[in-house]
Amino acid sequence: MSVVGEPGRPPVHTGFPIADLDGGVFSALAITTALYAREKTGCWPIYRHQHAGYDDFSMGVHGPVLSAQWRHPRASGFGTCEQCAQGAFKAKDGYVVIACPNQKFYENLANAISREVEGLKDLARDERFSTPAKRLSNRKELEGAINEALSTKSRDEWLEILYKADVPAGRLIMWPSVQQSAGPLPEYDCGDGSPVRKD
């Protein structure tokens, strides 16, 4: 919870119980590994694990920050804790997810915005954002500029511009849309002839 939510604001619970789900997935993996080991060696292996171990695995970019630098990663809001120009930004009619993990993609993004938005023609040359370190130091200003730019056009307009500029981007799809696109849930036979839906 400490790395979810906006910097400087209270911790926020994730939208789903990730640690509980990880526990089930890694337990199943441990069981299948143990069965495979018994099949190959004739012996049952002994596994010892900590709940925090697989939580660290699921922390993505936050885990290396804590492990390598031994400092608590900051809350990342809608982006990531160690990169800028990465996250969900609001266009006129919805959110666009942008990912600029390196200098090339950031420059592509800045050049695209400079070409498209009259008030941000100098973004690509702005010294405050010229390196990854400077972008981190001026994160709030950079994210404000990107949001300002995206607010001038629709989501589809920006996606077409960003794709042509070779900027990794996509639509932020809300959960109801994901469920609808998946279609009707399949039915399974319980063995006694009664169908069961996998809800």
N, C-alpha and C. Protein backbone atom coordinates (compact mmCIF):
# COMPACT_ATOMS: atom_id res chain seq x y z
N MET A 1 0.81 -1.21 0.00
CA MET A 1 0.00 0.00 0.00
C MET A 1 0.84 1.26 0.00
N SER A 2 2.07 1.17 0.54
CA SER A 2 2.89 2.37 0.67
C SER A 2 3.39 2.89 -0.67
N VAL A 3 3.37 2.07 -1.72
CA VAL A 3 3.83 2.53 -3.02
C VAL A 3 2.67 2.76 -3.99
N VAL A 4 1.45 2.64 -3.50
CA VAL A 4 0.26 2.90 -4.32
C VAL A 4 -0.33 4.23 -3.90
N GLY A 5 -0.90 4.96 -4.84
CA GLY A 5 -1.46 6.27 -4.53
C GLY A 5 -0.52 7.39 -4.91
N GLU A 6 -0.94 8.61 -4.63
CA GLU A 6 -0.18 9.79 -5.03
C GLU A 6 0.88 10.15 -4.00
N PRO A 7 2.04 10.64 -4.46
CA PRO A 7 3.09 11.06 -3.52
C PRO A 7 2.57 12.08 -2.52
N GLY A 8 2.93 11.90 -1.24
CA GLY A 8 2.53 12.83 -0.21
C GLY A 8 1.12 12.62 0.33
N ARG A 9 0.41 11.61 -0.17
CA ARG A 9 -0.94 11.33 0.30
C ARG A 9 -0.97 9.97 0.97
N PRO A 10 -2.06 9.63 1.68
CA PRO A 10 -2.10 8.36 2.41
C PRO A 10 -1.97 7.15 1.49
N PRO A 11 -1.48 6.01 2.02
CA PRO A 11 -1.40 4.77 1.24
C PRO A 11 -2.77 4.35 0.72
N VAL A 12 -2.78 3.67 -0.41
CA VAL A 12 -4.03 3.26 -1.04
C VAL A 12 -3.99 1.76 -1.28
N HIS A 13 -5.10 1.10 -1.02
CA HIS A 13 -5.20 -0.34 -1.26
C HIS A 13 -5.25 -0.59 -2.77
N THR A 14 -4.63 -1.68 -3.21
CA THR A 14 -4.72 -2.04 -4.63
C THR A 14 -6.16 -2.43 -4.97
N GLY A 15 -6.48 -2.40 -6.25
CA GLY A 15 -7.84 -2.70 -6.68
C GLY A 15 -8.23 -4.16 -6.52
N PHE A 16 -7.27 -5.03 -6.29
CA PHE A 16 -7.55 -6.45 -6.07
C PHE A 16 -6.50 -7.01 -5.11
N PRO A 17 -6.78 -8.13 -4.43
CA PRO A 17 -5.87 -8.64 -3.38
C PRO A 17 -4.66 -9.34 -3.99
N ILE A 18 -3.67 -8.58 -4.42
CA ILE A 18 -2.55 -9.15 -5.16
C ILE A 18 -1.74 -10.14 -4.32
N ALA A 19 -1.53 -9.85 -3.04
CA ALA A 19 -0.74 -10.76 -2.21
C ALA A 19 -1.46 -12.09 -2.03
N ASP A 20 -2.78 -12.06 -1.86
CA ASP A 20 -3.54 -13.31 -1.72
C ASP A 20 -3.47 -14.13 -3.01
N LEU A 21 -3.62 -13.45 -4.13
CA LEU A 21 -3.55 -14.16 -5.41
C LEU A 21 -2.16 -14.74 -5.64
N ASP A 22 -1.12 -13.95 -5.31
CA ASP A 22 0.24 -14.45 -5.45
C ASP A 22 0.46 -15.69 -4.59
N GLY A 23 -0.10 -15.67 -3.39
CA GLY A 23 0.05 -16.81 -2.50
C GLY A 23 -0.49 -18.08 -3.15
N GLY A 24 -1.66 -17.98 -3.78
CA GLY A 24 -2.25 -19.14 -4.45
C GLY A 24 -1.42 -19.59 -5.64
N VAL A 25 -0.98 -18.64 -6.46
CA VAL A 25 -0.21 -18.98 -7.67
C VAL A 25 1.11 -19.63 -7.30
N PHE A 26 1.84 -19.04 -6.34
CA PHE A 26 3.14 -19.58 -6.00
C PHE A 26 3.03 -20.89 -5.21
N SER A 27 1.95 -21.05 -4.47
CA SER A 27 1.72 -22.34 -3.79
C SER A 27 1.51 -23.45 -4.82
N ALA A 28 0.69 -23.15 -5.85
CA ALA A 28 0.46 -24.13 -6.91
C ALA A 28 1.76 -24.45 -7.64
N LEU A 29 2.59 -23.43 -7.87
CA LEU A 29 3.88 -23.65 -8.52
C LEU A 29 4.78 -24.52 -7.66
N ALA A 30 4.80 -24.27 -6.35
CA ALA A 30 5.63 -25.07 -5.45
C ALA A 30 5.16 -26.53 -5.43
N ILE A 31 3.85 -26.75 -5.45
CA ILE A 31 3.32 -28.12 -5.42
C ILE A 31 3.70 -28.86 -6.71
N THR A 32 3.51 -28.21 -7.86
CA THR A 32 3.87 -28.88 -9.11
C THR A 32 5.37 -29.13 -9.20
N THR A 33 6.18 -28.21 -8.67
CA THR A 33 7.63 -28.41 -8.65
C THR A 33 8.00 -29.59 -7.76
N ALA A 34 7.33 -29.69 -6.61
CA ALA A 34 7.59 -30.80 -5.70
C ALA A 34 7.19 -32.14 -6.33
N LEU A 35 6.06 -32.16 -7.02
CA LEU A 35 5.63 -33.39 -7.68
C LEU A 35 6.61 -33.80 -8.77
N TYR A 36 7.10 -32.81 -9.51
CA TYR A 36 8.08 -33.11 -10.56
C TYR A 36 9.39 -33.65 -9.94
N ALA A 37 9.82 -33.03 -8.84
CA ALA A 37 11.05 -33.47 -8.17
C ALA A 37 10.89 -34.90 -7.65
N ARG A 38 9.71 -35.23 -7.08
CA ARG A 38 9.49 -36.59 -6.58
C ARG A 38 9.53 -37.60 -7.73
N GLU A 39 8.93 -37.19 -8.87
CA GLU A 39 8.92 -38.07 -10.04
C GLU A 39 10.34 -38.36 -10.53
N LYS A 40 11.20 -37.35 -10.48
CA LYS A 40 12.56 -37.51 -11.00
C LYS A 40 13.52 -38.15 -10.00
N THR A 41 13.34 -37.85 -8.71
CA THR A 41 14.33 -38.29 -7.72
C THR A 41 13.80 -39.35 -6.75
N GLY A 42 12.48 -39.46 -6.68
CA GLY A 42 11.90 -40.39 -5.71
C GLY A 42 11.78 -39.81 -4.32
N CYS A 43 12.23 -38.56 -4.13
CA CYS A 43 12.20 -37.92 -2.81
C CYS A 43 11.32 -36.68 -2.85
N TRP A 44 10.69 -36.39 -1.71
CA TRP A 44 9.93 -35.15 -1.59
C TRP A 44 10.87 -34.03 -1.18
N PRO A 45 10.93 -32.95 -1.94
CA PRO A 45 11.75 -31.80 -1.51
C PRO A 45 11.06 -31.03 -0.39
N ILE A 46 11.86 -30.28 0.35
CA ILE A 46 11.31 -29.42 1.40
C ILE A 46 11.50 -27.98 0.97
N TYR A 47 10.39 -27.25 0.89
CA TYR A 47 10.45 -25.85 0.49
C TYR A 47 10.10 -24.97 1.67
N ARG A 48 10.89 -23.95 1.85
CA ARG A 48 10.58 -22.95 2.86
C ARG A 48 10.47 -21.61 2.14
N HIS A 49 9.41 -20.91 2.40
CA HIS A 49 9.26 -19.62 1.73
C HIS A 49 8.59 -18.63 2.67
N GLN A 50 8.78 -17.37 2.37
CA GLN A 50 8.15 -16.30 3.13
C GLN A 50 7.14 -15.59 2.25
N HIS A 51 6.06 -15.17 2.87
CA HIS A 51 5.03 -14.43 2.14
C HIS A 51 5.63 -13.23 1.43
N ALA A 52 6.57 -12.56 2.09
CA ALA A 52 7.17 -11.35 1.51
C ALA A 52 7.98 -11.65 0.26
N GLY A 53 8.45 -12.90 0.14
CA GLY A 53 9.25 -13.25 -1.02
C GLY A 53 8.51 -13.10 -2.33
N TYR A 54 7.29 -13.64 -2.39
CA TYR A 54 6.58 -13.51 -3.66
C TYR A 54 5.90 -12.16 -3.79
N ASP A 55 5.70 -11.46 -2.69
CA ASP A 55 5.23 -10.07 -2.82
C ASP A 55 6.31 -9.21 -3.46
N ASP A 56 7.58 -9.43 -3.08
CA ASP A 56 8.68 -8.69 -3.69
C ASP A 56 8.73 -8.95 -5.18
N PHE A 57 8.51 -10.21 -5.56
CA PHE A 57 8.53 -10.59 -6.96
C PHE A 57 7.50 -9.80 -7.76
N SER A 58 6.35 -9.52 -7.15
CA SER A 58 5.25 -8.85 -7.84
C SER A 58 5.35 -7.34 -7.82
N MET A 59 6.35 -6.80 -7.15
CA MET A 59 6.42 -5.35 -7.01
C MET A 59 6.99 -4.65 -8.22
N GLY A 60 7.42 -5.42 -9.23
CA GLY A 60 7.92 -4.81 -10.45
C GLY A 60 9.09 -3.88 -10.19
N VAL A 61 8.98 -2.65 -10.65
CA VAL A 61 10.08 -1.70 -10.56
C VAL A 61 10.39 -1.31 -9.12
N HIS A 62 9.42 -1.45 -8.20
CA HIS A 62 9.67 -1.06 -6.81
C HIS A 62 10.65 -2.00 -6.12
N GLY A 63 10.60 -3.29 -6.45
CA GLY A 63 11.46 -4.28 -5.81
C GLY A 63 12.94 -3.99 -5.97
N PRO A 64 13.41 -3.77 -7.22
CA PRO A 64 14.84 -3.45 -7.40
C PRO A 64 15.29 -2.19 -6.68
N VAL A 65 14.41 -1.20 -6.59
CA VAL A 65 14.77 0.03 -5.87
C VAL A 65 15.07 -0.29 -4.41
N LEU A 66 14.22 -1.12 -3.80
CA LEU A 66 14.40 -1.46 -2.40
C LEU A 66 15.62 -2.37 -2.21
N SER A 67 15.78 -3.37 -3.11
CA SER A 67 16.85 -4.34 -2.97
C SER A 67 18.22 -3.75 -3.30
N ALA A 68 18.30 -3.01 -4.40
CA ALA A 68 19.60 -2.51 -4.85
C ALA A 68 20.04 -1.26 -4.10
N GLN A 69 19.12 -0.39 -3.78
CA GLN A 69 19.48 0.88 -3.17
C GLN A 69 19.12 0.95 -1.69
N TRP A 70 18.41 -0.04 -1.20
CA TRP A 70 17.99 -0.12 0.20
C TRP A 70 17.34 1.18 0.68
N ARG A 71 16.44 1.67 -0.14
CA ARG A 71 15.63 2.80 0.25
C ARG A 71 14.20 2.52 -0.17
N HIS A 72 13.28 3.08 0.56
CA HIS A 72 11.88 2.80 0.27
C HIS A 72 11.45 3.53 -1.00
N PRO A 73 10.92 2.79 -2.01
CA PRO A 73 10.46 3.47 -3.22
C PRO A 73 9.28 4.37 -2.90
N ARG A 74 9.22 5.51 -3.57
CA ARG A 74 8.15 6.44 -3.28
C ARG A 74 6.86 6.01 -3.95
N ALA A 75 5.75 6.50 -3.43
CA ALA A 75 4.46 6.26 -4.09
C ALA A 75 4.52 6.80 -5.51
N SER A 76 3.97 6.04 -6.45
CA SER A 76 4.18 6.40 -7.85
C SER A 76 2.96 7.00 -8.52
N GLY A 77 1.84 7.11 -7.83
CA GLY A 77 0.66 7.68 -8.46
C GLY A 77 0.27 6.88 -9.69
N PHE A 78 0.04 7.57 -10.80
CA PHE A 78 -0.36 6.83 -12.00
C PHE A 78 0.83 6.44 -12.87
N GLY A 79 2.04 6.76 -12.44
CA GLY A 79 3.23 6.41 -13.22
C GLY A 79 4.05 5.34 -12.54
N THR A 80 5.38 5.45 -12.65
CA THR A 80 6.27 4.55 -11.94
C THR A 80 7.20 5.39 -11.08
N CYS A 81 7.79 4.75 -10.07
CA CYS A 81 8.53 5.53 -9.08
C CYS A 81 9.86 6.07 -9.60
N GLU A 82 10.44 5.45 -10.62
CA GLU A 82 11.78 5.84 -11.06
C GLU A 82 11.83 6.37 -12.49
N GLN A 83 10.68 6.53 -13.14
CA GLN A 83 10.67 7.02 -14.52
C GLN A 83 9.59 8.07 -14.68
N CYS A 84 9.83 8.99 -15.61
CA CYS A 84 8.83 10.00 -15.92
C CYS A 84 8.32 9.79 -17.34
N ALA A 85 7.32 10.57 -17.72
CA ALA A 85 6.68 10.41 -19.02
C ALA A 85 6.18 8.98 -19.17
N GLN A 86 5.66 8.46 -18.07
CA GLN A 86 5.15 7.10 -18.06
C GLN A 86 3.95 7.03 -17.12
N GLY A 87 2.81 6.63 -17.68
CA GLY A 87 1.60 6.54 -16.87
C GLY A 87 0.37 6.81 -17.70
N ALA A 88 -0.74 7.11 -17.04
CA ALA A 88 -2.01 7.38 -17.71
C ALA A 88 -2.25 8.89 -17.75
N PHE A 89 -2.46 9.41 -18.95
CA PHE A 89 -2.66 10.84 -19.15
C PHE A 89 -4.01 11.06 -19.83
N LYS A 90 -4.72 12.13 -19.45
CA LYS A 90 -6.10 12.32 -19.87
C LYS A 90 -6.22 13.12 -21.16
N ALA A 91 -6.77 12.47 -22.18
CA ALA A 91 -7.13 13.16 -23.42
C ALA A 91 -8.54 13.72 -23.26
N LYS A 92 -9.11 14.27 -24.33
CA LYS A 92 -10.43 14.88 -24.23
C LYS A 92 -11.50 13.88 -23.80
N ASP A 93 -11.38 12.63 -24.28
CA ASP A 93 -12.47 11.68 -24.08
C ASP A 93 -12.04 10.38 -23.39
N GLY A 94 -10.89 10.37 -22.76
CA GLY A 94 -10.44 9.15 -22.08
C GLY A 94 -8.95 9.20 -21.81
N TYR A 95 -8.45 8.16 -21.22
CA TYR A 95 -7.04 8.13 -20.83
C TYR A 95 -6.18 7.42 -21.87
N VAL A 96 -4.97 7.93 -22.04
CA VAL A 96 -3.95 7.30 -22.89
C VAL A 96 -2.80 6.89 -21.97
N VAL A 97 -2.39 5.63 -22.07
CA VAL A 97 -1.24 5.16 -21.29
C VAL A 97 0.01 5.32 -22.15
N ILE A 98 0.99 6.03 -21.63
CA ILE A 98 2.24 6.30 -22.34
C ILE A 98 3.39 5.69 -21.54
N ALA A 99 4.33 5.08 -22.26
CA ALA A 99 5.50 4.49 -21.60
C ALA A 99 6.76 4.93 -22.32
N CYS A 100 7.54 5.79 -21.70
CA CYS A 100 8.81 6.26 -22.28
C CYS A 100 9.95 5.88 -21.34
N PRO A 101 10.38 4.61 -21.36
CA PRO A 101 11.39 4.16 -20.40
C PRO A 101 12.81 4.57 -20.74
N ASN A 102 13.04 5.19 -21.90
CA ASN A 102 14.40 5.60 -22.24
C ASN A 102 14.39 6.94 -22.97
N GLN A 103 15.58 7.44 -23.24
CA GLN A 103 15.73 8.78 -23.83
C GLN A 103 15.10 8.86 -25.22
N LYS A 104 15.28 7.82 -26.02
CA LYS A 104 14.74 7.84 -27.39
C LYS A 104 13.23 8.03 -27.38
N PHE A 105 12.52 7.25 -26.57
CA PHE A 105 11.06 7.35 -26.56
C PHE A 105 10.59 8.68 -25.99
N TYR A 106 11.33 9.19 -24.97
CA TYR A 106 10.95 10.50 -24.45
C TYR A 106 11.09 11.57 -25.52
N GLU A 107 12.21 11.54 -26.24
CA GLU A 107 12.42 12.55 -27.30
C GLU A 107 11.35 12.44 -28.38
N ASN A 108 10.96 11.22 -28.73
CA ASN A 108 9.88 11.03 -29.70
C ASN A 108 8.59 11.67 -29.20
N LEU A 109 8.29 11.45 -27.91
CA LEU A 109 7.08 12.03 -27.32
C LEU A 109 7.15 13.55 -27.31
N ALA A 110 8.27 14.10 -26.84
CA ALA A 110 8.42 15.56 -26.74
C ALA A 110 8.33 16.21 -28.12
N ASN A 111 8.94 15.59 -29.11
CA ASN A 111 8.88 16.15 -30.47
C ASN A 111 7.46 16.11 -31.02
N ALA A 112 6.75 15.02 -30.74
CA ALA A 112 5.36 14.91 -31.21
C ALA A 112 4.48 15.98 -30.57
N ILE A 113 4.64 16.19 -29.26
CA ILE A 113 3.86 17.23 -28.57
C ILE A 113 4.23 18.61 -29.09
N SER A 114 5.52 18.85 -29.29
CA SER A 114 5.98 20.16 -29.79
C SER A 114 5.38 20.47 -31.16
N ARG A 115 5.24 19.44 -32.00
CA ARG A 115 4.66 19.65 -33.33
C ARG A 115 3.16 19.91 -33.27
N GLU A 116 2.48 19.29 -32.31
CA GLU A 116 1.02 19.28 -32.31
C GLU A 116 0.37 20.37 -31.46
N VAL A 117 1.07 20.85 -30.44
CA VAL A 117 0.45 21.76 -29.47
C VAL A 117 1.17 23.11 -29.50
N GLU A 118 0.46 24.13 -29.88
CA GLU A 118 1.03 25.47 -30.06
C GLU A 118 1.75 25.96 -28.81
N GLY A 119 1.12 25.79 -27.66
CA GLY A 119 1.70 26.32 -26.42
C GLY A 119 2.86 25.52 -25.88
N LEU A 120 3.16 24.37 -26.49
CA LEU A 120 4.25 23.52 -25.98
C LEU A 120 5.30 23.25 -27.05
N LYS A 121 5.49 24.20 -27.95
CA LYS A 121 6.43 24.02 -29.05
C LYS A 121 7.87 23.89 -28.57
N ASP A 122 8.15 24.36 -27.36
CA ASP A 122 9.53 24.30 -26.85
C ASP A 122 9.78 23.09 -25.95
N LEU A 123 8.79 22.20 -25.81
CA LEU A 123 8.95 21.08 -24.88
C LEU A 123 10.17 20.22 -25.23
N ALA A 124 10.37 19.95 -26.51
CA ALA A 124 11.48 19.08 -26.92
C ALA A 124 12.84 19.69 -26.60
N ARG A 125 12.89 21.02 -26.45
CA ARG A 125 14.17 21.69 -26.17
C ARG A 125 14.27 22.17 -24.72
N ASP A 126 13.28 21.85 -23.91
CA ASP A 126 13.25 22.33 -22.53
C ASP A 126 14.33 21.63 -21.71
N GLU A 127 15.30 22.39 -21.21
CA GLU A 127 16.43 21.83 -20.46
C GLU A 127 16.00 21.13 -19.17
N ARG A 128 14.86 21.51 -18.62
CA ARG A 128 14.39 20.87 -17.38
C ARG A 128 14.13 19.39 -17.57
N PHE A 129 13.88 18.98 -18.83
CA PHE A 129 13.49 17.60 -19.11
C PHE A 129 14.47 16.90 -20.04
N SER A 130 15.68 17.40 -20.15
CA SER A 130 16.60 16.91 -21.17
C SER A 130 17.26 15.57 -20.82
N THR A 131 17.28 15.19 -19.55
CA THR A 131 17.87 13.91 -19.14
C THR A 131 16.90 13.21 -18.19
N PRO A 132 17.06 11.87 -18.01
CA PRO A 132 16.19 11.17 -17.06
C PRO A 132 16.23 11.76 -15.65
N ALA A 133 17.43 12.13 -15.18
CA ALA A 133 17.55 12.70 -13.84
C ALA A 133 16.81 14.02 -13.73
N LYS A 134 16.93 14.87 -14.75
CA LYS A 134 16.23 16.15 -14.72
C LYS A 134 14.72 15.96 -14.80
N ARG A 135 14.29 14.95 -15.56
CA ARG A 135 12.84 14.70 -15.64
C ARG A 135 12.29 14.24 -14.30
N LEU A 136 13.08 13.45 -13.57
CA LEU A 136 12.64 13.04 -12.23
C LEU A 136 12.55 14.24 -11.29
N SER A 137 13.53 15.13 -11.37
CA SER A 137 13.54 16.31 -10.51
C SER A 137 12.39 17.26 -10.82
N ASN A 138 11.95 17.26 -12.07
CA ASN A 138 10.87 18.16 -12.50
C ASN A 138 9.64 17.36 -12.95
N ARG A 139 9.42 16.27 -12.27
CA ARG A 139 8.35 15.34 -12.66
C ARG A 139 6.98 16.01 -12.72
N LYS A 140 6.66 16.77 -11.70
CA LYS A 140 5.33 17.40 -11.63
C LYS A 140 5.11 18.32 -12.83
N GLU A 141 6.11 19.11 -13.17
CA GLU A 141 5.98 20.03 -14.30
C GLU A 141 5.85 19.28 -15.62
N LEU A 142 6.63 18.19 -15.78
CA LEU A 142 6.57 17.43 -17.02
C LEU A 142 5.22 16.74 -17.18
N GLU A 143 4.74 16.11 -16.12
CA GLU A 143 3.45 15.44 -16.20
C GLU A 143 2.33 16.44 -16.45
N GLY A 144 2.46 17.65 -15.89
CA GLY A 144 1.48 18.70 -16.16
C GLY A 144 1.48 19.10 -17.62
N ALA A 145 2.68 19.18 -18.22
CA ALA A 145 2.77 19.54 -19.64
C ALA A 145 2.15 18.46 -20.53
N ILE A 146 2.41 17.20 -20.19
CA ILE A 146 1.84 16.10 -20.99
C ILE A 146 0.33 16.08 -20.88
N ASN A 147 -0.18 16.27 -19.67
CA ASN A 147 -1.64 16.33 -19.50
C ASN A 147 -2.24 17.51 -20.24
N GLU A 148 -1.56 18.64 -20.20
CA GLU A 148 -2.04 19.82 -20.94
C GLU A 148 -2.11 19.52 -22.43
N ALA A 149 -1.06 18.86 -22.94
CA ALA A 149 -1.03 18.53 -24.37
C ALA A 149 -2.15 17.57 -24.75
N LEU A 150 -2.30 16.51 -23.98
CA LEU A 150 -3.30 15.50 -24.34
C LEU A 150 -4.72 16.02 -24.25
N SER A 151 -4.95 17.03 -23.42
CA SER A 151 -6.30 17.56 -23.27
C SER A 151 -6.79 18.28 -24.52
N THR A 152 -5.89 18.50 -25.49
CA THR A 152 -6.27 19.26 -26.70
C THR A 152 -6.89 18.40 -27.79
N LYS A 153 -6.78 17.07 -27.67
CA LYS A 153 -7.30 16.18 -28.72
C LYS A 153 -7.95 14.96 -28.09
N SER A 154 -8.66 14.21 -28.93
CA SER A 154 -9.29 12.97 -28.46
C SER A 154 -8.23 11.88 -28.27
N ARG A 155 -8.64 10.84 -27.58
CA ARG A 155 -7.74 9.72 -27.34
C ARG A 155 -7.26 9.09 -28.65
N ASP A 156 -8.18 8.85 -29.59
CA ASP A 156 -7.80 8.23 -30.86
C ASP A 156 -6.88 9.12 -31.69
N GLU A 157 -7.13 10.43 -31.63
CA GLU A 157 -6.25 11.35 -32.36
C GLU A 157 -4.82 11.27 -31.82
N TRP A 158 -4.70 11.27 -30.48
CA TRP A 158 -3.37 11.21 -29.89
C TRP A 158 -2.71 9.87 -30.15
N LEU A 159 -3.47 8.78 -30.11
CA LEU A 159 -2.87 7.48 -30.35
C LEU A 159 -2.32 7.39 -31.77
N GLU A 160 -3.03 7.94 -32.73
CA GLU A 160 -2.53 7.93 -34.10
C GLU A 160 -1.23 8.73 -34.20
N ILE A 161 -1.19 9.89 -33.54
CA ILE A 161 0.02 10.73 -33.54
C ILE A 161 1.18 10.00 -32.87
N LEU A 162 0.92 9.39 -31.73
CA LEU A 162 1.98 8.74 -30.96
C LEU A 162 2.50 7.49 -31.66
N TYR A 163 1.60 6.73 -32.27
CA TYR A 163 2.05 5.55 -33.01
C TYR A 163 2.99 5.95 -34.15
N LYS A 164 2.61 7.00 -34.88
CA LYS A 164 3.44 7.46 -36.00
C LYS A 164 4.78 7.98 -35.52
N ALA A 165 4.81 8.52 -34.30
CA ALA A 165 6.05 9.07 -33.74
C ALA A 165 6.90 8.01 -33.03
N ASP A 166 6.45 6.76 -33.05
CA ASP A 166 7.14 5.66 -32.37
C ASP A 166 7.24 5.91 -30.86
N VAL A 167 6.07 6.19 -30.28
CA VAL A 167 5.96 6.33 -28.82
C VAL A 167 5.08 5.18 -28.31
N PRO A 168 5.58 4.35 -27.40
CA PRO A 168 4.76 3.28 -26.86
C PRO A 168 3.55 3.85 -26.12
N ALA A 169 2.35 3.53 -26.60
CA ALA A 169 1.13 4.09 -26.01
C ALA A 169 -0.05 3.18 -26.31
N GLY A 170 -1.11 3.34 -25.56
CA GLY A 170 -2.32 2.55 -25.78
C GLY A 170 -3.47 3.14 -25.00
N ARG A 171 -4.66 2.60 -25.24
CA ARG A 171 -5.85 3.03 -24.50
C ARG A 171 -5.84 2.44 -23.10
N LEU A 172 -6.32 3.23 -22.14
CA LEU A 172 -6.61 2.69 -20.83
C LEU A 172 -8.03 2.14 -20.89
N ILE A 173 -8.16 0.84 -20.81
CA ILE A 173 -9.47 0.19 -20.94
C ILE A 173 -10.02 -0.08 -19.55
N MET A 174 -11.23 0.40 -19.30
CA MET A 174 -11.85 0.19 -18.00
C MET A 174 -12.38 -1.24 -17.88
N TRP A 175 -12.48 -1.72 -16.66
CA TRP A 175 -12.81 -3.13 -16.41
C TRP A 175 -14.12 -3.58 -17.06
N PRO A 176 -15.21 -2.82 -17.01
CA PRO A 176 -16.44 -3.29 -17.67
C PRO A 176 -16.24 -3.56 -19.16
N SER A 177 -15.42 -2.75 -19.83
CA SER A 177 -15.15 -2.96 -21.25
C SER A 177 -14.37 -4.24 -21.47
N VAL A 178 -13.46 -4.56 -20.54
CA VAL A 178 -12.70 -5.81 -20.64
C VAL A 178 -13.64 -6.99 -20.55
N GLN A 179 -14.56 -6.94 -19.58
CA GLN A 179 -15.50 -8.04 -19.41
C GLN A 179 -16.40 -8.20 -20.63
N GLN A 180 -16.87 -7.08 -21.18
CA GLN A 180 -17.75 -7.15 -22.34
C GLN A 180 -17.03 -7.71 -23.55
N SER A 181 -15.77 -7.33 -23.73
CA SER A 181 -15.03 -7.80 -24.90
C SER A 181 -14.70 -9.29 -24.81
N ALA A 182 -14.70 -9.82 -23.58
CA ALA A 182 -14.39 -11.24 -23.41
C ALA A 182 -15.54 -12.14 -23.87
N GLY A 183 -16.76 -11.59 -24.00
CA GLY A 183 -17.91 -12.37 -24.44
C GLY A 183 -18.53 -13.15 -23.30
N PRO A 184 -19.55 -13.99 -23.61
CA PRO A 184 -20.23 -14.73 -22.56
C PRO A 184 -19.31 -15.75 -21.91
N LEU A 185 -19.54 -16.00 -20.63
CA LEU A 185 -18.73 -16.96 -19.89
C LEU A 185 -19.07 -18.38 -20.35
N PRO A 186 -18.05 -19.25 -20.48
CA PRO A 186 -18.32 -20.62 -20.93
C PRO A 186 -19.01 -21.43 -19.84
N GLU A 187 -19.69 -22.49 -20.26
CA GLU A 187 -20.32 -23.42 -19.32
C GLU A 187 -19.53 -24.73 -19.31
N TYR A 188 -19.48 -25.36 -18.13
CA TYR A 188 -18.76 -26.61 -17.97
C TYR A 188 -19.70 -27.66 -17.40
N ASP A 189 -19.47 -28.91 -17.80
CA ASP A 189 -20.28 -30.03 -17.31
C ASP A 189 -19.66 -30.55 -16.02
N CYS A 190 -20.45 -30.60 -14.95
CA CYS A 190 -19.94 -31.06 -13.66
C CYS A 190 -19.73 -32.58 -13.61
N GLY A 191 -20.19 -33.27 -14.62
CA GLY A 191 -20.08 -34.73 -14.60
C GLY A 191 -21.42 -35.40 -14.37
N ASP A 192 -22.37 -34.64 -13.82
CA ASP A 192 -23.70 -35.19 -13.60
C ASP A 192 -24.70 -34.61 -14.58
N GLY A 193 -24.17 -33.94 -15.61
CA GLY A 193 -25.05 -33.37 -16.62
C GLY A 193 -25.51 -31.96 -16.35
N SER A 194 -25.19 -31.40 -15.16
CA SER A 194 -25.64 -30.05 -14.84
C SER A 194 -24.55 -29.05 -15.24
N PRO A 195 -24.90 -28.06 -16.07
CA PRO A 195 -23.89 -27.07 -16.51
C PRO A 195 -23.58 -26.08 -15.39
N VAL A 196 -22.33 -25.67 -15.33
CA VAL A 196 -21.90 -24.66 -14.36
C VAL A 196 -21.15 -23.58 -15.10
N ARG A 197 -21.49 -22.32 -14.84
CA ARG A 197 -20.75 -21.20 -15.43
C ARG A 197 -19.54 -20.89 -14.57
N LYS A 198 -18.43 -20.63 -15.21
CA LYS A 198 -17.19 -20.27 -14.50
C LYS A 198 -17.20 -18.78 -14.22
N ASP A 199 -17.92 -18.35 -13.17
CA ASP A 199 -17.98 -16.92 -12.81
C ASP A 199 -16.77 -16.56 -11.98
